[in-house]
Amino acid sequence: MLHIIWSIIVGFIIGFVAKHLYHPAEHLGFWMTSLLGIAGSIIGGLIARLFSKPKPGAPFHPAGFILSIIGAILLLFIYAKLQ
């Protein structure tokens, strides 16, 4: 349960930073900002997987803060183009 709460908190922080760096998404609420940050972290992990392999047995590559923000900005860019 603590892992889910921690993911929501970190996801919100990442989504908050990403939506303030990429301005067309100022209207997102708390839950959408959190989901943006969590999805950005997953996309950032996929980007990190292109450059280095994760530890053996790990299902995901840890994205880190910077790649998570880059992934979230990429999602915001795609979202803005689809509107």
N, C-alpha and C. Protein backbone atom coordinates (compact mmCIF):
# COMPACT_ATOMS: atom_id res chain seq x y z
N MET A 1 0.82 -1.19 0.00
CA MET A 1 0.00 0.00 0.00
C MET A 1 0.87 1.26 0.00
N LEU A 2 1.96 1.23 0.74
CA LEU A 2 2.84 2.39 0.80
C LEU A 2 3.48 2.66 -0.56
N HIS A 3 3.73 1.61 -1.33
CA HIS A 3 4.32 1.77 -2.66
C HIS A 3 3.37 2.54 -3.58
N ILE A 4 2.09 2.27 -3.48
CA ILE A 4 1.10 2.96 -4.31
C ILE A 4 1.02 4.44 -3.93
N ILE A 5 1.01 4.72 -2.64
CA ILE A 5 0.96 6.11 -2.16
C ILE A 5 2.22 6.86 -2.59
N TRP A 6 3.37 6.21 -2.47
CA TRP A 6 4.63 6.82 -2.88
C TRP A 6 4.64 7.09 -4.38
N SER A 7 4.11 6.15 -5.19
CA SER A 7 4.03 6.35 -6.64
C SER A 7 3.15 7.54 -6.98
N ILE A 8 2.05 7.71 -6.28
CA ILE A 8 1.15 8.84 -6.54
C ILE A 8 1.83 10.16 -6.18
N ILE A 9 2.52 10.20 -5.05
CA ILE A 9 3.19 11.44 -4.62
C ILE A 9 4.31 11.82 -5.58
N VAL A 10 5.17 10.85 -5.91
CA VAL A 10 6.27 11.13 -6.84
C VAL A 10 5.72 11.44 -8.23
N GLY A 11 4.67 10.71 -8.65
CA GLY A 11 4.05 10.99 -9.94
C GLY A 11 3.49 12.39 -10.01
N PHE A 12 2.89 12.87 -8.91
CA PHE A 12 2.38 14.23 -8.88
C PHE A 12 3.51 15.24 -9.02
N ILE A 13 4.60 15.02 -8.32
CA ILE A 13 5.74 15.96 -8.39
C ILE A 13 6.30 16.00 -9.81
N ILE A 14 6.48 14.84 -10.42
CA ILE A 14 7.00 14.78 -11.79
C ILE A 14 6.02 15.43 -12.77
N GLY A 15 4.73 15.11 -12.63
CA GLY A 15 3.73 15.71 -13.50
C GLY A 15 3.63 17.22 -13.32
N PHE A 16 3.76 17.68 -12.07
CA PHE A 16 3.72 19.11 -11.78
C PHE A 16 4.88 19.84 -12.45
N VAL A 17 6.08 19.27 -12.35
CA VAL A 17 7.25 19.89 -12.99
C VAL A 17 7.08 19.88 -14.50
N ALA A 18 6.62 18.75 -15.05
CA ALA A 18 6.47 18.63 -16.51
C ALA A 18 5.44 19.60 -17.05
N LYS A 19 4.30 19.74 -16.36
CA LYS A 19 3.27 20.63 -16.89
C LYS A 19 3.66 22.10 -16.74
N HIS A 20 4.59 22.41 -15.84
CA HIS A 20 5.06 23.79 -15.74
C HIS A 20 6.20 24.08 -16.71
N LEU A 21 6.88 23.04 -17.17
CA LEU A 21 7.89 23.23 -18.21
C LEU A 21 7.26 23.29 -19.59
N TYR A 22 6.15 22.57 -19.77
CA TYR A 22 5.44 22.56 -21.05
C TYR A 22 4.06 23.16 -20.80
N HIS A 23 3.89 24.42 -21.11
CA HIS A 23 2.75 25.23 -20.67
C HIS A 23 1.37 24.89 -21.23
N PRO A 24 1.20 24.24 -22.36
CA PRO A 24 -0.18 24.01 -22.84
C PRO A 24 -1.03 23.14 -21.92
N ALA A 25 -0.48 22.55 -20.87
CA ALA A 25 -1.24 21.64 -20.02
C ALA A 25 -1.49 22.21 -18.63
N GLU A 26 -1.77 23.47 -18.51
CA GLU A 26 -1.99 24.10 -17.22
C GLU A 26 -3.29 23.67 -16.54
N HIS A 27 -4.23 23.08 -17.27
CA HIS A 27 -5.55 22.79 -16.75
C HIS A 27 -5.69 21.41 -16.11
N LEU A 28 -4.64 20.66 -15.97
CA LEU A 28 -4.73 19.32 -15.39
C LEU A 28 -4.92 19.38 -13.88
N GLY A 29 -5.79 18.53 -13.36
CA GLY A 29 -6.03 18.46 -11.93
C GLY A 29 -5.03 17.54 -11.24
N PHE A 30 -5.27 17.29 -9.96
CA PHE A 30 -4.34 16.48 -9.16
C PHE A 30 -4.19 15.08 -9.72
N TRP A 31 -5.29 14.39 -9.98
CA TRP A 31 -5.21 12.99 -10.42
C TRP A 31 -4.61 12.86 -11.81
N MET A 32 -4.97 13.76 -12.71
CA MET A 32 -4.39 13.71 -14.06
C MET A 32 -2.90 14.06 -14.04
N THR A 33 -2.52 14.99 -13.17
CA THR A 33 -1.10 15.33 -13.02
C THR A 33 -0.34 14.14 -12.47
N SER A 34 -0.92 13.44 -11.49
CA SER A 34 -0.27 12.25 -10.92
C SER A 34 -0.15 11.15 -11.96
N LEU A 35 -1.22 10.91 -12.72
CA LEU A 35 -1.17 9.89 -13.77
C LEU A 35 -0.16 10.26 -14.86
N LEU A 36 -0.06 11.54 -15.17
CA LEU A 36 0.92 12.01 -16.13
C LEU A 36 2.33 11.69 -15.64
N GLY A 37 2.61 11.95 -14.38
CA GLY A 37 3.93 11.68 -13.82
C GLY A 37 4.24 10.19 -13.78
N ILE A 38 3.27 9.37 -13.43
CA ILE A 38 3.49 7.92 -13.38
C ILE A 38 3.72 7.38 -14.78
N ALA A 39 2.89 7.81 -15.74
CA ALA A 39 3.07 7.37 -17.13
C ALA A 39 4.38 7.90 -17.70
N GLY A 40 4.75 9.12 -17.34
CA GLY A 40 6.03 9.67 -17.77
C GLY A 40 7.20 8.88 -17.24
N SER A 41 7.06 8.36 -16.03
CA SER A 41 8.12 7.53 -15.47
C SER A 41 8.25 6.21 -16.23
N ILE A 42 7.12 5.65 -16.64
CA ILE A 42 7.17 4.42 -17.43
C ILE A 42 7.80 4.68 -18.79
N ILE A 43 7.41 5.77 -19.44
CA ILE A 43 7.99 6.14 -20.74
C ILE A 43 9.49 6.43 -20.57
N GLY A 44 9.85 7.11 -19.50
CA GLY A 44 11.26 7.38 -19.22
C GLY A 44 12.06 6.11 -19.01
N GLY A 45 11.44 5.11 -18.37
CA GLY A 45 12.10 3.82 -18.20
C GLY A 45 12.31 3.11 -19.53
N LEU A 46 11.34 3.25 -20.43
CA LEU A 46 11.51 2.66 -21.76
C LEU A 46 12.62 3.36 -22.54
N ILE A 47 12.72 4.68 -22.38
CA ILE A 47 13.81 5.41 -23.02
C ILE A 47 15.14 4.99 -22.44
N ALA A 48 15.21 4.82 -21.12
CA ALA A 48 16.46 4.39 -20.47
C ALA A 48 16.85 2.99 -20.92
N ARG A 49 15.87 2.15 -21.19
CA ARG A 49 16.14 0.79 -21.64
C ARG A 49 16.84 0.77 -23.00
N LEU A 50 16.63 1.81 -23.81
CA LEU A 50 17.31 1.90 -25.10
C LEU A 50 18.82 2.09 -24.95
N PHE A 51 19.24 2.73 -23.86
CA PHE A 51 20.64 3.06 -23.67
C PHE A 51 21.39 2.07 -22.79
N SER A 52 20.70 1.42 -21.86
CA SER A 52 21.37 0.43 -21.00
C SER A 52 20.36 -0.62 -20.57
N LYS A 53 20.86 -1.81 -20.31
CA LYS A 53 19.99 -2.90 -19.89
C LYS A 53 19.71 -2.79 -18.38
N PRO A 54 18.47 -3.16 -17.97
CA PRO A 54 18.18 -3.16 -16.53
C PRO A 54 18.88 -4.33 -15.84
N LYS A 55 18.86 -4.33 -14.52
CA LYS A 55 19.45 -5.41 -13.75
C LYS A 55 18.75 -6.72 -14.11
N PRO A 56 19.46 -7.83 -14.05
CA PRO A 56 18.84 -9.12 -14.37
C PRO A 56 17.63 -9.40 -13.47
N GLY A 57 16.52 -9.78 -14.09
CA GLY A 57 15.31 -10.09 -13.35
C GLY A 57 14.41 -8.90 -13.08
N ALA A 58 14.86 -7.69 -13.40
CA ALA A 58 14.05 -6.50 -13.18
C ALA A 58 13.08 -6.30 -14.35
N PRO A 59 11.79 -6.16 -14.07
CA PRO A 59 10.84 -5.99 -15.18
C PRO A 59 10.92 -4.61 -15.83
N PHE A 60 11.32 -3.59 -15.06
CA PHE A 60 11.41 -2.23 -15.58
C PHE A 60 12.79 -1.67 -15.30
N HIS A 61 13.17 -0.72 -16.10
CA HIS A 61 14.41 0.01 -15.87
C HIS A 61 14.06 1.23 -15.03
N PRO A 62 14.78 1.49 -13.94
CA PRO A 62 14.47 2.69 -13.15
C PRO A 62 14.78 3.94 -13.96
N ALA A 63 13.78 4.76 -14.15
CA ALA A 63 13.92 5.90 -15.05
C ALA A 63 14.70 7.04 -14.43
N GLY A 64 14.50 7.29 -13.17
CA GLY A 64 15.11 8.45 -12.56
C GLY A 64 14.25 9.68 -12.77
N PHE A 65 14.58 10.73 -12.08
CA PHE A 65 13.77 11.94 -12.08
C PHE A 65 13.78 12.65 -13.43
N ILE A 66 14.97 12.80 -14.03
CA ILE A 66 15.10 13.55 -15.28
C ILE A 66 14.40 12.83 -16.42
N LEU A 67 14.63 11.53 -16.56
CA LEU A 67 13.97 10.79 -17.64
C LEU A 67 12.47 10.70 -17.43
N SER A 68 12.02 10.68 -16.20
CA SER A 68 10.58 10.69 -15.92
C SER A 68 9.96 12.00 -16.38
N ILE A 69 10.63 13.11 -16.14
CA ILE A 69 10.13 14.40 -16.60
C ILE A 69 10.13 14.47 -18.12
N ILE A 70 11.19 13.95 -18.75
CA ILE A 70 11.25 13.94 -20.21
C ILE A 70 10.11 13.09 -20.78
N GLY A 71 9.84 11.94 -20.16
CA GLY A 71 8.74 11.10 -20.60
C GLY A 71 7.40 11.79 -20.44
N ALA A 72 7.21 12.50 -19.34
CA ALA A 72 5.95 13.22 -19.10
C ALA A 72 5.79 14.38 -20.09
N ILE A 73 6.86 15.07 -20.40
CA ILE A 73 6.79 16.16 -21.38
C ILE A 73 6.47 15.58 -22.76
N LEU A 74 7.04 14.44 -23.08
CA LEU A 74 6.72 13.78 -24.35
C LEU A 74 5.24 13.42 -24.42
N LEU A 75 4.68 12.92 -23.33
CA LEU A 75 3.25 12.61 -23.29
C LEU A 75 2.41 13.88 -23.42
N LEU A 76 2.82 14.96 -22.78
CA LEU A 76 2.09 16.23 -22.90
C LEU A 76 2.14 16.76 -24.33
N PHE A 77 3.28 16.60 -24.98
CA PHE A 77 3.42 17.03 -26.38
C PHE A 77 2.47 16.25 -27.28
N ILE A 78 2.42 14.93 -27.09
CA ILE A 78 1.52 14.10 -27.88
C ILE A 78 0.06 14.47 -27.58
N TYR A 79 -0.26 14.69 -26.32
CA TYR A 79 -1.62 15.08 -25.92
C TYR A 79 -2.02 16.40 -26.56
N ALA A 80 -1.10 17.37 -26.58
CA ALA A 80 -1.40 18.68 -27.17
C ALA A 80 -1.60 18.58 -28.68
N LYS A 81 -0.86 17.71 -29.34
CA LYS A 81 -1.00 17.55 -30.79
C LYS A 81 -2.30 16.84 -31.15
N LEU A 82 -2.82 15.99 -30.26
CA LEU A 82 -4.05 15.26 -30.55
C LEU A 82 -5.30 16.09 -30.29
N GLN A 83 -5.17 17.19 -29.59
CA GLN A 83 -6.34 18.03 -29.31
C GLN A 83 -6.66 18.92 -30.47
